[in-house]
Protein backbone atom coordinates (compact mmCIF):
# COMPACT_ATOMS: atom_id res chain seq x y z
CA MET A 1 -3.29 2.67 0.90
CA ARG A 2 -1.19 5.36 -0.44
CA ARG A 3 -1.59 8.51 -2.18
CA THR A 4 0.79 9.59 -5.02
CA ALA A 5 2.43 13.03 -5.35
CA ALA A 6 1.24 13.29 -8.96
CA PHE A 7 -2.40 14.46 -8.82
CA GLY A 8 -4.87 15.55 -11.48
CA SER A 9 -3.57 13.76 -14.33
CA ALA A 10 0.88 7.46 -7.11
CA GLY A 11 18.85 -21.91 -6.22
CA ALA A 12 16.57 -23.57 -3.76
CA LEU A 13 16.67 -27.24 -2.75
CA ILE A 14 13.15 -28.24 -1.71
CA ALA A 15 12.64 -31.52 0.16
CA GLY A 16 10.00 -33.73 -1.37
CA THR A 17 7.94 -33.63 1.81
CA LEU A 18 7.71 -29.83 1.50
CA ILE A 19 6.58 -29.99 -2.07
CA ALA A 20 3.86 -32.36 -1.22
CA GLY A 21 2.73 -29.93 1.49
CA ALA A 22 2.92 -26.95 -0.75
CA ILE A 23 0.25 -28.46 -2.96
CA ALA A 24 -2.45 -28.11 -0.36
CA ALA A 25 -5.96 -27.97 -1.88
CA PRO A 26 -7.59 -24.54 -2.00
CA ALA A 27 -9.90 -23.95 1.10
CA ALA A 28 -13.49 -23.21 0.86
CA THR A 29 -14.35 -19.52 0.67
CA ALA A 30 -17.12 -17.30 1.77
CA ASP A 31 -17.76 -15.86 -1.68
CA GLY A 32 -17.74 -18.41 -4.53
CA ARG A 33 -17.94 -15.66 -7.09
CA HIS A 34 -14.39 -14.73 -6.22
CA HIS A 35 -13.15 -18.28 -6.05
CA ASN A 36 -15.42 -20.46 -8.14
CA GLY A 37 -14.62 -23.98 -9.19
CA SER A 38 -12.55 -22.96 -12.19
CA GLU A 39 -10.45 -20.35 -10.28
CA ALA A 40 -10.10 -22.77 -7.37
CA ARG A 41 -8.80 -25.45 -9.66
CA GLY A 42 -6.65 -23.06 -11.43
CA VAL A 43 -4.87 -21.81 -8.43
CA GLN A 44 -4.37 -25.49 -7.22
CA LEU A 45 -2.91 -26.38 -10.60
CA ALA A 46 -0.60 -23.27 -10.66
CA ALA A 47 0.60 -24.00 -7.08
CA ALA A 48 1.34 -27.61 -7.93
CA ARG A 49 3.33 -26.37 -10.89
CA ALA A 50 5.32 -23.93 -8.85
CA ALA A 51 5.92 -26.33 -6.12
CA ARG A 52 7.53 -28.74 -8.61
CA ALA A 53 9.54 -25.94 -10.27
CA GLY A 54 10.59 -24.12 -7.17
CA ILE A 55 12.53 -20.99 -7.60
CA ASP A 56 15.89 -20.76 -9.34
CA TRP A 57 17.55 -18.29 -6.92
CA ALA A 58 20.47 -16.31 -8.43
CA ASP A 59 22.14 -12.85 -7.92
CA CYS A 60 19.62 -10.19 -8.67
CA PRO A 61 19.99 -8.36 -12.13
CA ALA A 62 22.49 -5.47 -11.80
CA ASP A 63 19.85 -2.77 -12.79
CA TRP A 64 17.53 -3.90 -9.86
CA ALA A 65 19.88 -2.32 -7.26
CA ILE A 66 19.47 -5.43 -4.94
CA ALA A 67 22.83 -6.48 -3.72
CA ALA A 68 24.04 -9.99 -2.60
CA PRO A 69 23.55 -11.91 -0.38
CA ILE A 70 20.03 -11.10 -1.43
CA GLN A 71 18.85 -13.30 -4.38
CA CYS A 72 16.13 -12.88 -6.90
CA GLY A 73 13.90 -15.31 -8.96
CA TRP A 74 10.64 -15.81 -10.77
CA VAL A 75 7.36 -17.42 -10.16
CA THR A 76 5.14 -18.14 -12.98
CA VAL A 77 1.27 -17.56 -12.59
CA PRO A 78 -1.71 -17.56 -14.80
CA LEU A 79 -2.98 -14.21 -15.94
CA ASP A 80 -6.41 -15.58 -15.49
CA TYR A 81 -6.88 -18.26 -12.99
CA ALA A 82 -10.17 -19.40 -14.55
CA ARG A 83 -7.84 -20.44 -17.53
CA PRO A 84 -4.76 -21.67 -15.86
CA ASP A 85 -3.43 -23.10 -19.22
CA GLY A 86 -3.80 -19.67 -20.96
CA LYS A 87 -1.46 -16.71 -20.91
CA GLN A 88 1.17 -16.83 -18.02
CA ILE A 89 2.97 -13.90 -16.32
CA LYS A 90 6.06 -13.85 -14.25
CA ILE A 91 6.14 -12.55 -10.71
CA ALA A 92 9.50 -11.27 -9.47
CA VAL A 93 10.63 -12.34 -5.97
CA ASP A 94 13.65 -11.91 -3.84
CA ARG A 95 14.92 -13.20 -0.39
CA HIS A 96 17.49 -12.98 2.18
CA VAL A 97 17.94 -16.42 4.06
CA SER A 98 17.40 -16.48 7.78
CA THR A 99 20.35 -15.69 10.02
CA GLY A 100 19.74 -18.42 12.68
CA THR A 101 20.52 -22.06 12.98
CA SER A 102 18.63 -24.82 11.22
CA GLY A 103 16.86 -25.45 14.41
CA GLU A 104 15.65 -21.85 14.69
CA ARG A 105 14.38 -21.65 11.10
CA GLN A 106 10.58 -21.45 10.70
CA GLY A 107 10.27 -20.85 7.02
CA ALA A 108 9.68 -17.84 4.76
CA LEU A 109 8.04 -14.47 5.86
CA ILE A 110 6.47 -12.80 2.86
CA TYR A 111 5.86 -8.93 2.84
CA ASN A 112 3.67 -6.52 1.03
CA PRO A 113 4.15 -2.84 1.76
CA GLY A 114 0.73 -1.65 0.40
CA GLY A 115 -0.35 0.61 -2.39
CA PRO A 116 -1.91 -1.09 -4.29
CA GLY A 117 1.10 -0.62 -6.45
CA GLY A 118 3.83 -0.91 -3.96
CA SER A 119 6.95 -3.15 -4.38
CA GLY A 120 7.94 -5.48 -1.56
CA MET A 121 11.41 -6.09 -2.93
CA ALA A 122 13.16 -3.97 -0.38
CA PHE A 123 12.01 -6.12 2.50
CA PRO A 124 14.99 -8.56 2.55
CA LYS A 125 17.27 -5.59 2.96
CA ARG A 126 15.99 -5.51 6.57
CA ILE A 127 18.26 -8.46 7.16
CA ALA A 128 21.11 -7.22 5.09
CA THR A 129 21.17 -3.92 7.00
CA LYS A 130 20.71 -5.64 10.32
CA SER A 131 17.64 -3.68 11.13
CA PRO A 132 17.39 -3.75 14.98
CA LEU A 133 13.62 -4.16 14.97
CA TRP A 134 13.93 -7.31 12.90
CA VAL A 135 17.06 -9.16 14.18
CA ASN A 136 15.07 -11.71 16.21
CA THR A 137 12.50 -12.52 13.55
CA ALA A 138 15.53 -12.65 10.97
CA LYS A 139 16.82 -15.64 12.82
CA ALA A 140 13.66 -17.78 12.19
CA TYR A 141 12.61 -16.53 8.72
CA ASP A 142 13.89 -15.91 5.26
CA PHE A 143 12.57 -12.49 4.33
CA VAL A 144 10.91 -12.76 0.98
CA GLY A 145 9.63 -9.69 -1.00
CA PHE A 146 7.82 -9.60 -4.33
CA ASP A 147 6.48 -7.26 -6.91
CA PRO A 148 2.75 -7.90 -7.20
CA ARG A 149 1.28 -8.52 -10.77
CA GLY A 150 1.59 -5.36 -12.77
CA VAL A 151 4.19 -3.82 -10.58
CA GLY A 152 7.86 -3.22 -11.14
CA HIS A 153 9.39 -6.32 -12.68
CA SER A 154 6.06 -8.44 -12.65
CA THR A 155 4.70 -7.65 -16.06
CA PRO A 156 4.37 -3.98 -15.40
CA ILE A 157 1.39 -1.98 -16.49
CA SER A 158 1.15 1.63 -17.68
CA CYS A 159 -1.52 4.27 -18.38
CA ILE A 160 0.40 7.26 -19.68
CA ASP A 161 3.92 8.25 -20.67
CA PRO A 162 5.87 8.65 -17.48
CA GLN A 163 7.46 11.82 -18.32
CA GLU A 164 3.96 13.31 -18.99
CA PHE A 165 2.61 11.74 -15.79
CA VAL A 166 5.09 13.67 -13.57
CA LYS A 167 5.08 16.93 -15.54
CA ALA A 168 4.35 20.03 -13.47
CA PRO A 169 2.74 22.27 -12.45
CA LYS A 170 -0.61 20.50 -12.51
CA ALA A 171 -3.93 22.17 -12.09
CA ASP A 172 -4.99 23.13 -8.72
CA PRO A 173 -7.16 20.09 -7.42
CA VAL A 174 -9.54 22.38 -5.56
CA PRO A 175 -11.93 23.68 -8.29
CA ASP A 176 -12.97 27.31 -8.44
CA THR A 177 -15.53 26.86 -11.10
CA GLU A 178 -17.55 24.28 -13.08
CA ALA A 179 -15.08 24.62 -15.87
CA ASP A 180 -12.29 23.55 -13.52
CA LYS A 181 -14.33 20.37 -12.65
CA ARG A 182 -15.01 19.67 -16.25
CA ALA A 183 -11.30 19.90 -17.03
CA GLN A 184 -10.44 17.49 -14.33
CA ARG A 185 -13.18 15.13 -15.35
CA LYS A 186 -11.66 15.17 -18.96
CA LEU A 187 -8.19 14.34 -17.58
CA ALA A 188 -9.60 11.43 -15.49
CA ALA A 189 -11.44 9.94 -18.46
CA GLU A 190 -8.27 10.36 -20.63
CA TYR A 191 -6.30 8.48 -18.00
CA ALA A 192 -8.86 5.69 -17.88
CA ASP A 193 -8.55 5.47 -21.70
CA GLY A 194 -4.84 5.45 -21.55
CA CYS A 195 -4.89 2.50 -19.26
CA ALA A 196 -7.11 0.65 -21.65
CA GLU A 197 -4.99 1.35 -24.50
CA ARG A 198 -1.63 0.55 -22.94
CA SER A 199 -2.51 -2.29 -20.61
CA GLY A 200 -6.03 -3.39 -21.58
CA ASP A 201 -5.29 -7.12 -21.55
CA MET A 202 -4.13 -6.95 -17.92
CA LEU A 203 -6.89 -4.82 -16.57
CA PRO A 204 -9.61 -7.19 -15.94
CA HIS A 205 -7.16 -9.50 -13.90
CA MET A 206 -5.59 -6.64 -11.74
CA THR A 207 -7.74 -7.68 -8.79
CA THR A 208 -6.85 -8.22 -5.09
CA PRO A 209 -8.29 -11.82 -5.12
CA ASN A 210 -5.96 -12.55 -8.09
CA THR A 211 -2.93 -11.04 -6.13
CA ALA A 212 -3.96 -13.23 -3.26
CA ARG A 213 -3.88 -16.27 -5.55
CA ASP A 214 -0.42 -15.17 -6.79
CA LEU A 215 0.64 -15.08 -3.12
CA ASP A 216 -0.58 -18.70 -2.65
CA VAL A 217 1.45 -19.77 -5.60
CA ILE A 218 4.50 -18.04 -4.33
CA ARG A 219 3.97 -19.78 -1.11
CA ALA A 220 4.05 -23.16 -3.02
CA ALA A 221 7.12 -22.20 -5.02
CA LEU A 222 8.93 -21.48 -1.82
CA GLY A 223 8.09 -25.03 -0.67
CA GLU A 224 6.03 -23.83 2.25
CA LYS A 225 2.94 -25.67 3.37
CA LYS A 226 1.54 -22.55 5.00
CA LEU A 227 2.04 -18.84 4.62
CA ASN A 228 3.82 -16.48 7.03
CA TYR A 229 2.73 -13.06 6.06
CA LEU A 230 3.35 -9.39 7.00
CA GLY A 231 1.15 -6.86 5.22
CA VAL A 232 1.00 -3.00 5.84
CA SER A 233 -1.63 -0.63 4.53
CA TYR A 234 -3.18 -2.08 1.39
CA GLY A 235 -1.19 -5.15 2.21
CA THR A 236 -3.72 -5.67 5.07
CA TYR A 237 -6.55 -6.01 2.56
CA LEU A 238 -4.46 -8.39 0.47
CA GLY A 239 -3.93 -10.33 3.69
CA ALA A 240 -7.61 -10.22 4.56
CA VAL A 241 -8.55 -11.50 1.18
CA TYR A 242 -5.87 -14.23 1.34
CA GLY A 243 -7.13 -15.33 4.78
CA THR A 244 -10.60 -15.56 3.40
CA LEU A 245 -9.80 -17.49 0.38
CA PHE A 246 -7.12 -19.75 1.89
CA PRO A 247 -7.72 -19.83 5.67
CA SER A 248 -6.25 -23.19 6.15
CA HIS A 249 -2.95 -22.11 4.31
CA VAL A 250 -2.24 -19.33 6.95
CA ARG A 251 0.31 -20.02 9.55
CA ARG A 252 1.23 -16.47 10.97
CA MET A 253 -0.20 -13.28 9.60
CA VAL A 254 0.52 -9.74 10.91
CA VAL A 255 -1.52 -6.89 9.53
CA ASP A 256 -0.40 -3.33 10.18
CA SER A 257 -2.49 -0.19 9.56
CA VAL A 258 -5.57 -1.79 8.40
CA VAL A 259 -7.94 -1.15 5.32
CA ASN A 260 -11.53 -1.54 6.44
CA PRO A 261 -12.48 -4.77 4.49
CA ALA A 262 -16.27 -4.17 4.60
CA LYS A 263 -17.73 -4.69 1.12
CA ASP A 264 -19.43 -1.18 1.17
CA ASN A 265 -16.14 0.36 2.03
CA ILE A 266 -14.25 -1.04 -1.03
CA TRP A 267 -12.98 1.41 -2.54
CA TYR A 268 -15.22 4.62 -2.99
CA GLN A 269 -16.21 4.93 0.56
CA ALA A 270 -12.68 4.16 1.80
CA ASN A 271 -11.33 7.12 -0.03
CA LEU A 272 -13.98 9.45 1.39
CA ASN A 273 -13.19 8.20 4.74
CA GLN A 274 -9.43 8.97 4.05
CA ASP A 275 -10.31 12.55 3.48
CA ILE A 276 -11.62 12.98 7.02
CA ALA A 277 -8.69 11.08 8.63
CA PHE A 278 -6.11 13.07 6.80
CA GLN A 279 -7.63 16.30 7.90
CA THR A 280 -7.37 15.13 11.55
CA ARG A 281 -3.77 14.08 11.15
CA TRP A 282 -2.87 17.31 9.28
CA GLY A 283 -4.22 19.11 12.50
CA ASP A 284 -1.93 16.99 14.65
CA TRP A 285 1.07 18.01 12.61
CA LYS A 286 0.01 21.65 12.69
CA SER A 287 -0.22 21.42 16.48
CA TRP A 288 3.32 20.07 16.59
CA VAL A 289 4.74 22.71 14.29
CA ALA A 290 3.11 25.40 16.42
CA ALA A 291 4.57 23.83 19.62
CA ASN A 292 7.90 24.07 18.03
CA ASP A 293 7.70 27.57 16.66
CA ALA A 294 10.96 28.48 18.21
CA THR A 295 12.59 26.21 15.67
CA PHE A 296 10.39 26.62 12.63
CA HIS A 297 9.06 30.29 12.85
CA ILE A 298 5.88 29.39 11.02
CA GLY A 299 3.24 30.09 13.56
CA ASP A 300 2.77 29.59 17.31
CA THR A 301 -0.80 28.37 17.08
CA PRO A 302 -2.36 25.60 14.73
CA GLN A 303 -4.62 28.35 13.38
CA LYS A 304 -1.65 30.52 12.37
CA VAL A 305 0.12 27.55 10.82
CA GLU A 306 -3.02 26.86 8.79
CA GLN A 307 -3.08 30.57 7.61
CA GLU A 308 0.40 30.30 6.51
CA TRP A 309 -0.36 27.18 4.56
CA LEU A 310 -3.28 28.84 2.92
CA LYS A 311 -0.96 31.81 1.97
CA LEU A 312 1.61 29.45 0.60
CA ARG A 313 -0.90 27.61 -1.50
CA ALA A 314 -2.47 30.78 -2.80
CA ALA A 315 0.95 32.22 -3.79
CA ALA A 316 1.85 29.00 -5.58
CA LYS A 317 -1.38 29.02 -7.42
CA LYS A 318 -0.86 32.53 -8.59
CA SER A 319 2.78 31.89 -9.50
CA PRO A 320 4.06 28.43 -9.29
CA ILE A 321 7.27 28.26 -7.28
CA GLY A 322 10.18 27.86 -9.63
CA GLY A 323 7.64 27.55 -12.40
CA VAL A 324 6.95 24.00 -11.25
CA VAL A 325 5.46 23.85 -7.78
CA GLY A 326 1.82 24.84 -7.57
CA PRO A 327 -0.93 23.60 -5.18
CA ALA A 328 -1.01 20.13 -6.46
CA GLU A 329 2.69 19.68 -6.08
CA LEU A 330 2.46 21.22 -2.45
CA ILE A 331 -0.14 18.69 -1.51
CA GLY A 332 1.95 15.96 -3.00
CA PHE A 333 4.80 17.10 -0.76
CA PHE A 334 3.02 18.17 2.48
CA GLN A 335 0.79 15.06 2.53
CA SER A 336 3.76 13.05 3.76
CA ALA A 337 3.46 14.72 7.14
CA PRO A 338 -0.01 13.33 7.89
CA TYR A 339 1.10 9.97 6.62
CA TYR A 340 4.35 9.56 8.59
CA ASP A 341 5.84 11.03 11.75
CA SER A 342 9.27 10.62 10.16
CA ALA A 343 8.21 13.32 7.82
CA TRP A 344 7.14 15.86 10.32
CA ALA A 345 10.44 17.59 10.98
CA PRO A 346 11.83 17.34 7.41
CA THR A 347 8.53 18.82 6.01
CA ALA A 348 8.53 21.67 8.61
CA ARG A 349 12.29 22.40 7.98
CA THR A 350 11.81 22.61 4.20
CA TRP A 351 8.84 25.01 4.72
CA SER A 352 10.68 27.04 7.24
CA ALA A 353 13.78 27.23 4.85
CA TYR A 354 11.60 28.48 2.11
CA ARG A 355 10.12 31.11 4.29
CA ALA A 356 13.63 32.31 5.20
CA GLY A 357 14.43 32.63 1.44
CA ASP A 358 15.68 29.17 0.38
CA THR A 359 13.23 28.50 -2.56
CA GLN A 360 15.36 25.71 -3.95
CA ALA A 361 14.86 23.41 -1.04
CA LEU A 362 11.06 23.40 -1.64
CA ILE A 363 11.46 23.06 -5.29
CA ASP A 364 13.65 20.07 -4.81
CA ALA A 365 11.44 18.43 -2.46
CA ALA A 366 8.03 19.00 -4.37
CA ALA A 367 8.86 19.24 -8.05
CA PRO A 368 9.36 16.25 -10.32
CA ASP A 369 12.94 15.46 -11.51
CA LEU A 370 12.45 15.01 -15.29
CA SER A 371 16.02 13.68 -15.59
CA ASP A 372 15.14 10.66 -13.26
CA THR A 373 13.50 8.65 -15.96
CA ALA A 374 13.74 5.30 -13.98
CA GLY A 375 12.14 6.97 -10.92
CA ASN A 376 9.38 8.45 -13.07
CA ILE A 377 8.67 5.11 -14.72
CA ARG A 378 8.31 3.58 -11.27
CA SER A 379 6.02 6.46 -10.07
CA GLU A 380 3.79 6.14 -13.14
CA ASN A 381 3.63 2.42 -12.85
CA SER A 382 2.72 2.45 -9.15
CA ASN A 383 -0.11 4.92 -9.90
CA ALA A 384 -1.31 2.67 -12.80
CA VAL A 385 -1.41 -0.35 -10.46
CA TYR A 386 -3.25 1.69 -7.79
CA THR A 387 -5.83 2.75 -10.21
CA ALA A 388 -6.10 -0.61 -11.88
CA VAL A 389 -6.67 -2.61 -8.77
CA GLU A 390 -9.02 -0.17 -7.09
CA CYS A 391 -11.09 0.25 -10.20
CA ALA A 392 -11.15 -3.69 -10.86
CA ASP A 393 -11.98 -4.69 -7.24
CA ALA A 394 -15.41 -2.94 -6.98
CA LYS A 395 -18.12 -1.12 -8.81
CA TRP A 396 -17.76 2.71 -8.64
CA PRO A 397 -20.37 5.44 -9.00
CA THR A 398 -20.61 6.31 -12.68
CA ASP A 399 -22.81 9.41 -12.24
CA TRP A 400 -20.72 12.58 -11.82
CA ARG A 401 -23.37 14.13 -9.61
CA THR A 402 -22.51 11.49 -6.95
CA TRP A 403 -18.90 12.40 -6.84
CA ASP A 404 -19.75 16.12 -6.97
CA ARG A 405 -22.13 15.93 -4.19
CA ASP A 406 -19.96 13.81 -1.82
CA ASN A 407 -16.75 15.70 -2.43
CA THR A 408 -18.31 19.13 -2.21
CA ARG A 409 -19.78 18.28 1.12
CA LEU A 410 -16.62 16.83 2.48
CA HIS A 411 -14.40 19.64 1.25
CA LYS A 412 -16.26 22.17 3.40
CA ASP A 413 -14.92 20.58 6.63
CA TYR A 414 -12.07 18.46 5.34
CA PRO A 415 -10.29 20.56 2.61
CA PHE A 416 -6.56 19.27 2.85
CA MET A 417 -7.05 16.26 0.61
CA THR A 418 -10.65 15.86 -0.48
CA TRP A 419 -10.62 17.05 -4.07
CA ALA A 420 -7.01 15.85 -4.75
CA ASN A 421 -8.21 12.40 -3.66
CA ALA A 422 -11.38 12.69 -5.79
CA TRP A 423 -9.52 13.32 -9.02
CA MET A 424 -7.09 10.67 -8.41
CA ASN A 425 -9.88 8.08 -8.17
CA LEU A 426 -12.15 9.43 -10.80
CA PRO A 427 -10.83 7.26 -13.66
CA CYS A 428 -12.88 4.45 -12.00
CA ALA A 429 -16.08 6.28 -12.95
CA THR A 430 -15.31 5.61 -16.68
CA TRP A 431 -13.33 2.46 -16.36
CA SER A 432 -13.84 0.21 -19.34
CA ALA A 433 -12.70 -3.11 -17.93
CA LYS A 434 -14.83 -5.37 -15.83
CA GLN A 435 -15.35 -4.33 -12.24
CA GLN A 436 -15.93 -7.10 -9.59
CA THR A 437 -17.96 -7.16 -6.37
CA PRO A 438 -15.68 -7.06 -3.30
CA LEU A 439 -15.07 -10.28 -1.55
CA ASN A 440 -17.00 -10.79 1.76
CA VAL A 441 -13.98 -11.07 4.07
CA GLY A 442 -14.48 -13.40 6.98
CA THR A 443 -13.13 -16.40 8.99
CA GLY A 444 -12.92 -19.74 7.17
CA LYS A 445 -12.05 -23.24 8.56
CA GLY A 446 -8.46 -23.41 9.75
CA LEU A 447 -7.63 -19.63 10.05
CA PRO A 448 -5.31 -19.35 12.97
CA PRO A 449 -5.06 -16.19 15.18
CA VAL A 450 -4.17 -13.12 13.21
CA LEU A 451 -2.20 -10.24 14.79
CA ILE A 452 -3.72 -6.79 13.94
CA VAL A 453 -1.73 -3.61 14.71
CA GLN A 454 -3.11 -0.12 14.37
CA SER A 455 -2.68 3.44 15.60
CA THR A 456 -5.78 5.35 16.48
CA ARG A 457 -5.00 8.47 14.37
CA ASP A 458 -3.87 6.89 11.10
CA ALA A 459 -4.83 9.05 8.13
CA ALA A 460 -4.49 6.61 5.31
CA THR A 461 -6.19 3.68 7.00
CA PRO A 462 -8.56 4.94 9.77
CA TYR A 463 -8.76 3.01 12.98
CA GLU A 464 -12.27 1.65 12.24
CA GLY A 465 -10.74 -0.63 9.65
CA ALA A 466 -8.69 -2.57 12.26
CA VAL A 467 -11.85 -2.86 14.54
CA GLU A 468 -13.77 -4.17 11.48
CA LEU A 469 -11.26 -6.78 10.57
CA HIS A 470 -10.87 -7.83 14.16
CA LYS A 471 -14.68 -8.66 14.21
CA ARG A 472 -14.45 -10.52 10.97
CA PHE A 473 -11.48 -12.68 11.82
CA ARG A 474 -12.42 -14.67 14.83
CA GLY A 475 -9.59 -15.40 17.38
CA SER A 476 -7.46 -12.26 16.08
CA ARG A 477 -5.84 -9.93 18.51
CA LEU A 478 -5.75 -6.16 18.29
CA ILE A 479 -2.80 -4.15 19.33
CA THR A 480 -3.76 -0.46 19.47
CA GLU A 481 -1.24 2.31 19.56
CA GLU A 482 -3.28 4.93 21.34
CA GLY A 483 -2.90 8.53 20.39
CA ALA A 484 -0.42 7.98 17.60
CA GLY A 485 -1.10 8.26 13.78
CA SER A 486 2.12 7.31 11.85
CA HIS A 487 1.08 4.93 9.08
CA GLY A 488 2.96 1.50 9.50
CA VAL A 489 3.43 0.79 13.25
CA THR A 490 5.44 -2.28 13.10
CA GLY A 491 8.28 -0.14 11.45
CA LEU A 492 8.55 2.31 14.48
CA VAL A 493 10.32 1.88 17.75
CA ASN A 494 7.62 1.07 20.44
CA PRO A 495 8.70 -1.82 22.60
CA CYS A 496 5.06 -2.56 23.68
CA VAL A 497 4.33 -3.19 19.93
CA ASN A 498 7.65 -4.63 18.85
CA GLU A 499 7.97 -7.29 21.52
CA ARG A 500 4.48 -8.51 20.86
CA VAL A 501 5.04 -8.75 17.08
CA ASP A 502 8.33 -10.65 17.67
CA SER A 503 6.61 -13.03 20.11
CA TYR A 504 3.75 -13.78 17.76
CA LEU A 505 6.03 -14.34 14.75
CA LEU A 506 8.46 -16.51 16.78
CA THR A 507 5.97 -18.47 18.97
CA GLY A 508 2.53 -18.04 17.39
CA LYS A 509 1.35 -16.77 20.83
CA THR A 510 -0.86 -13.70 21.33
CA ASP A 511 -2.00 -11.99 24.59
CA ARG A 512 -5.10 -13.48 26.03
CA ARG A 513 -6.89 -10.06 25.44
CA ASP A 514 -6.45 -7.11 23.05
CA VAL A 515 -3.78 -4.71 24.14
CA THR A 516 -3.53 -0.90 24.12
CA CYS A 517 0.03 0.56 23.95
CA ALA A 518 1.08 4.11 24.76
CA PRO A 519 2.26 5.99 21.52
CA HIS A 520 5.82 5.88 20.35
CA ALA A 521 7.96 8.94 20.93
CA THR A 522 6.94 12.26 19.42
CA PRO A 523 9.30 13.45 16.78
CA LYS A 524 11.97 15.87 17.70
CA PRO A 525 12.08 19.24 15.76
């Protein structure tokens, strides 16, 4: 799961045998309400059509910024799987073919980076750029990315004018008065209304189960009998739902930084749990900044770093930096440090430079660029999809008193993200489109061992999520990166993790028991 920086408004030749294999019947599911007879038949019909059509691979459109030898194409899916002959939408896909011999090739590996609202279209670049972590896997698999429904090039949705969406400064997410809360509630309700006005026909169908069905149709279009899948963050929930709906269609599945799939966690409770975990990881970063005070000169204890943060925040609230960076924008920038270790040093350097008089560095890092219209469209679209999927997947509290009680209580001990997170999700309280009941994730017939990778101090997807999925997917194996917290473990250099992920994808084998790995290297200042 990801948070956005804008708060308070984030030619194929397919053998006939492969086509036949690609039209595998949908598997039985643990929750018929999410995969009832009409939807099961609908996805089977869509997959059969896609298997016959294949994908017409070609050079990617110039404005997609995806260079050859990566190729792009489209897969057609029903908007509503219960009505497979009704409105169709197109899903954008891309691929880089495997680098190995025909004897080494094992099929396609499909990737989802999370969100909801993230695009996977950059994944094939890991082969093009010869990413050292993926050279072995690249010999065996075509790397396939896609824009999920509603994202990017796949019938994109929108909730507000993108330039308005990024405009700054926004109101301080932490309310001082009841009037502040009323203003934020008004913004959230207006955002929900904007989603209905601009994208209403898509909203009822922007669910994780539908994206999982799209994934199965993509599998069929690729000519693959079974799915090889790598999902990170929200992509782990997509994988969990796919594995529940289509257990016999899974060949290999790696899920990294895991959303807790328990029904009562999706999605209101998940966001409350994030607030606690973000505060913990914020503390880890402050300790690192303090330990490197000789470089950054911010404070030599975590307490002093926190005091300097509060001073910066208060000053920006009183007078936004450069007229555009207030507390909301600061949180949007600083939250990257609890998210990713790769942001630890850049975030601290920017703050240190600001304290030394370089105001522009912080403005450039934290303020929107109104001239980047394409980037602003992507940001608004990503946030729209995030909201649409989380609001559609589950029923949310509609009584403001519930939100007020829970977030007021959490803010006392976990103030870094709590209110910002609340306002981002509050549109779900007044959502006009139908809200589903979350799928009961569990093991179905034919599900192979799934590899689960998780760090213990992850802020966006707390460790308990990996433990819960491990219980629900029998035969799965859990690799724990102990003492680390960077979101997205498989993209980091840690041989204890990297070698096991490679081995699983290449051979299907896992360790006989769960494995605990030491943390990857601490960032250098």
